[in-house]
N, C-alpha and C. Protein backbone atom coordinates (compact mmCIF):
# COMPACT_ATOMS: atom_id res chain seq x y z
N MET A 1 -199.19 -15.35 39.33
CA MET A 1 -198.48 -14.15 38.97
C MET A 1 -198.63 -13.94 37.47
N THR A 2 -199.13 -12.78 37.13
CA THR A 2 -199.34 -12.48 35.71
C THR A 2 -198.06 -11.94 35.08
N LEU A 3 -198.02 -11.99 33.77
CA LEU A 3 -196.89 -11.42 33.04
C LEU A 3 -196.77 -9.93 33.34
N ALA A 4 -197.89 -9.23 33.40
CA ALA A 4 -197.87 -7.79 33.68
C ALA A 4 -197.26 -7.51 35.06
N GLN A 5 -197.56 -8.35 36.04
CA GLN A 5 -197.00 -8.16 37.37
C GLN A 5 -195.49 -8.39 37.36
N ARG A 6 -195.05 -9.42 36.65
CA ARG A 6 -193.60 -9.69 36.55
C ARG A 6 -192.89 -8.54 35.83
N LEU A 7 -193.50 -8.03 34.77
CA LEU A 7 -192.90 -6.91 34.04
C LEU A 7 -192.80 -5.67 34.92
N LYS A 8 -193.82 -5.44 35.73
CA LYS A 8 -193.78 -4.29 36.63
C LYS A 8 -192.65 -4.44 37.65
N LEU A 9 -192.45 -5.66 38.16
CA LEU A 9 -191.33 -5.91 39.07
C LEU A 9 -190.00 -5.62 38.39
N ILE A 10 -189.87 -6.07 37.15
CA ILE A 10 -188.63 -5.83 36.40
C ILE A 10 -188.40 -4.33 36.21
N GLU A 11 -189.44 -3.61 35.84
CA GLU A 11 -189.32 -2.15 35.66
C GLU A 11 -188.92 -1.47 36.96
N LEU A 12 -189.52 -1.90 38.06
CA LEU A 12 -189.19 -1.33 39.36
C LEU A 12 -187.73 -1.61 39.71
N TYR A 13 -187.30 -2.83 39.47
CA TYR A 13 -185.92 -3.23 39.75
C TYR A 13 -184.94 -2.39 38.93
N ILE A 14 -185.22 -2.27 37.64
CA ILE A 14 -184.34 -1.47 36.78
C ILE A 14 -184.31 -0.02 37.26
N GLY A 15 -185.45 0.51 37.67
CA GLY A 15 -185.50 1.88 38.16
C GLY A 15 -184.62 2.11 39.38
N TYR A 16 -184.58 1.14 40.28
CA TYR A 16 -183.78 1.30 41.50
C TYR A 16 -182.31 0.93 41.31
N PHE A 17 -182.03 -0.10 40.53
CA PHE A 17 -180.67 -0.63 40.47
C PHE A 17 -179.99 -0.47 39.12
N ASN A 18 -180.69 0.12 38.15
CA ASN A 18 -180.13 0.41 36.83
C ASN A 18 -179.66 -0.85 36.10
N ARG A 19 -180.32 -1.95 36.38
CA ARG A 19 -180.04 -3.20 35.67
C ARG A 19 -181.23 -4.12 35.86
N ALA A 20 -181.35 -5.06 34.97
CA ALA A 20 -182.42 -6.06 35.10
C ALA A 20 -182.05 -7.05 36.20
N PRO A 21 -183.03 -7.60 36.87
CA PRO A 21 -182.72 -8.59 37.90
C PRO A 21 -182.27 -9.91 37.27
N GLU A 22 -181.42 -10.62 37.98
CA GLU A 22 -181.10 -11.97 37.55
C GLU A 22 -182.32 -12.85 37.83
N GLN A 23 -182.39 -14.01 37.22
CA GLN A 23 -183.59 -14.86 37.33
C GLN A 23 -183.91 -15.20 38.79
N ALA A 24 -182.90 -15.56 39.57
CA ALA A 24 -183.14 -15.92 40.96
C ALA A 24 -183.73 -14.74 41.74
N GLY A 25 -183.22 -13.55 41.47
CA GLY A 25 -183.74 -12.36 42.13
C GLY A 25 -185.17 -12.07 41.73
N LEU A 26 -185.45 -12.19 40.44
CA LEU A 26 -186.81 -11.97 39.96
C LEU A 26 -187.77 -12.98 40.58
N ASP A 27 -187.33 -14.24 40.65
CA ASP A 27 -188.18 -15.26 41.26
C ASP A 27 -188.44 -14.96 42.74
N TYR A 28 -187.41 -14.48 43.44
CA TYR A 28 -187.58 -14.13 44.85
C TYR A 28 -188.62 -13.03 45.01
N TRP A 29 -188.46 -11.95 44.24
CA TRP A 29 -189.38 -10.82 44.38
C TRP A 29 -190.77 -11.15 43.89
N ALA A 30 -190.87 -12.02 42.90
CA ALA A 30 -192.19 -12.48 42.46
C ALA A 30 -192.87 -13.25 43.58
N GLY A 31 -192.09 -14.05 44.31
CA GLY A 31 -192.63 -14.77 45.46
C GLY A 31 -193.07 -13.82 46.56
N GLU A 32 -192.28 -12.78 46.79
CA GLU A 32 -192.65 -11.78 47.80
C GLU A 32 -193.94 -11.07 47.40
N LEU A 33 -194.05 -10.71 46.13
CA LEU A 33 -195.26 -10.05 45.64
C LEU A 33 -196.46 -10.98 45.80
N ALA A 34 -196.30 -12.22 45.42
CA ALA A 34 -197.40 -13.19 45.55
C ALA A 34 -197.81 -13.36 47.00
N ALA A 35 -196.84 -13.39 47.91
CA ALA A 35 -197.15 -13.53 49.33
C ALA A 35 -197.93 -12.33 49.84
N LEU A 36 -197.51 -11.14 49.45
CA LEU A 36 -198.23 -9.93 49.87
C LEU A 36 -199.66 -9.93 49.34
N LEU A 37 -199.80 -10.25 48.07
CA LEU A 37 -201.13 -10.28 47.47
C LEU A 37 -201.99 -11.37 48.12
N GLY A 38 -201.37 -12.48 48.48
CA GLY A 38 -202.08 -13.56 49.13
C GLY A 38 -202.58 -13.21 50.52
N ARG A 39 -201.95 -12.21 51.14
CA ARG A 39 -202.40 -11.74 52.46
C ARG A 39 -203.45 -10.64 52.34
N GLY A 40 -203.87 -10.36 51.11
CA GLY A 40 -204.93 -9.38 50.92
C GLY A 40 -204.47 -7.95 50.72
N VAL A 41 -203.15 -7.77 50.56
CA VAL A 41 -202.61 -6.44 50.31
C VAL A 41 -202.95 -6.07 48.86
N THR A 42 -203.28 -4.82 48.62
CA THR A 42 -203.56 -4.40 47.24
C THR A 42 -202.27 -4.41 46.43
N GLU A 43 -202.40 -4.44 45.11
CA GLU A 43 -201.20 -4.40 44.26
C GLU A 43 -200.39 -3.14 44.52
N ALA A 44 -201.07 -2.01 44.65
CA ALA A 44 -200.36 -0.75 44.89
C ALA A 44 -199.57 -0.82 46.20
N GLN A 45 -200.17 -1.36 47.25
CA GLN A 45 -199.48 -1.48 48.53
C GLN A 45 -198.33 -2.47 48.43
N ALA A 46 -198.54 -3.55 47.69
CA ALA A 46 -197.49 -4.57 47.54
C ALA A 46 -196.27 -3.99 46.81
N TYR A 47 -196.52 -3.27 45.73
CA TYR A 47 -195.40 -2.67 44.99
C TYR A 47 -194.71 -1.60 45.84
N GLN A 48 -195.47 -0.86 46.63
CA GLN A 48 -194.87 0.14 47.52
C GLN A 48 -193.96 -0.53 48.55
N SER A 49 -194.42 -1.64 49.10
CA SER A 49 -193.62 -2.38 50.07
C SER A 49 -192.32 -2.88 49.45
N ILE A 50 -192.41 -3.40 48.25
CA ILE A 50 -191.21 -3.89 47.56
C ILE A 50 -190.30 -2.73 47.20
N ALA A 51 -190.86 -1.63 46.75
CA ALA A 51 -190.05 -0.44 46.44
C ALA A 51 -189.33 0.05 47.69
N ASP A 52 -190.00 0.03 48.83
CA ASP A 52 -189.36 0.43 50.08
C ASP A 52 -188.17 -0.48 50.40
N ARG A 53 -188.34 -1.76 50.15
CA ARG A 53 -187.25 -2.71 50.41
C ARG A 53 -186.12 -2.52 49.41
N PHE A 54 -186.43 -2.19 48.17
CA PHE A 54 -185.39 -1.87 47.19
C PHE A 54 -184.60 -0.64 47.66
N TYR A 55 -185.32 0.37 48.13
CA TYR A 55 -184.66 1.59 48.61
C TYR A 55 -183.74 1.27 49.78
N ASP A 56 -184.25 0.48 50.73
CA ASP A 56 -183.43 0.10 51.89
C ASP A 56 -182.17 -0.65 51.44
N ALA A 57 -182.29 -1.53 50.46
CA ALA A 57 -181.13 -2.24 49.93
C ALA A 57 -180.16 -1.26 49.29
N GLY A 58 -180.68 -0.28 48.59
CA GLY A 58 -179.83 0.74 47.98
C GLY A 58 -179.04 1.51 49.02
N LEU A 59 -179.68 1.81 50.15
CA LEU A 59 -178.98 2.47 51.25
C LEU A 59 -177.88 1.57 51.81
N GLN A 60 -178.22 0.33 52.02
CA GLN A 60 -177.28 -0.63 52.60
C GLN A 60 -176.04 -0.80 51.73
N PHE A 61 -176.23 -0.81 50.42
CA PHE A 61 -175.11 -1.04 49.52
C PHE A 61 -174.51 0.25 48.97
N GLY A 62 -174.90 1.38 49.53
CA GLY A 62 -174.29 2.65 49.17
C GLY A 62 -174.77 3.27 47.87
N LEU A 63 -175.87 2.77 47.32
CA LEU A 63 -176.39 3.36 46.08
C LEU A 63 -177.05 4.70 46.34
N TYR A 64 -177.62 4.86 47.53
CA TYR A 64 -178.31 6.08 47.92
C TYR A 64 -177.85 6.46 49.31
N LYS A 65 -178.09 7.72 49.66
CA LYS A 65 -177.77 8.21 51.00
C LYS A 65 -179.07 8.57 51.70
N ALA A 66 -179.16 8.24 52.97
CA ALA A 66 -180.38 8.48 53.73
C ALA A 66 -180.73 9.96 53.78
N ASP A 67 -179.73 10.83 53.72
CA ASP A 67 -180.00 12.26 53.82
C ASP A 67 -180.16 12.94 52.45
N ASP A 68 -180.21 12.15 51.38
CA ASP A 68 -180.45 12.73 50.05
C ASP A 68 -181.83 13.38 50.02
N SER A 69 -181.93 14.47 49.30
CA SER A 69 -183.24 15.10 49.10
C SER A 69 -184.06 14.26 48.13
N VAL A 70 -185.34 14.51 48.11
CA VAL A 70 -186.22 13.81 47.17
C VAL A 70 -185.75 14.08 45.75
N GLU A 71 -185.40 15.33 45.46
CA GLU A 71 -184.96 15.69 44.12
C GLU A 71 -183.69 14.93 43.73
N SER A 72 -182.76 14.81 44.67
CA SER A 72 -181.52 14.10 44.40
C SER A 72 -181.79 12.62 44.13
N PHE A 73 -182.67 12.02 44.92
CA PHE A 73 -183.01 10.62 44.72
C PHE A 73 -183.64 10.41 43.34
N ILE A 74 -184.56 11.27 42.97
CA ILE A 74 -185.23 11.14 41.67
C ILE A 74 -184.22 11.26 40.53
N GLN A 75 -183.28 12.19 40.65
CA GLN A 75 -182.26 12.34 39.61
C GLN A 75 -181.39 11.09 39.51
N GLN A 76 -181.10 10.47 40.65
CA GLN A 76 -180.27 9.26 40.64
C GLN A 76 -180.96 8.09 39.96
N VAL A 77 -182.26 7.94 40.19
CA VAL A 77 -182.94 6.78 39.60
C VAL A 77 -183.38 7.04 38.17
N TYR A 78 -183.42 8.30 37.77
CA TYR A 78 -183.79 8.60 36.39
C TYR A 78 -182.59 9.15 35.67
């Protein structure tokens, strides 16, 4: 796992949850990214998969609503 890949994970995490990940969380997602890449998934596909899981977690914990429009979601994360 490169530093650039870890930084991209951190940026993605901050974008979805408005905070930096704790070390254990970062290590978990770095492991998930490494596993995806190890199965031959492209980096773009791997980050998309992780972003989808971040979104699902946001729904589960009430950060986002499933019926939000794309515009509403973008405003929430930015």
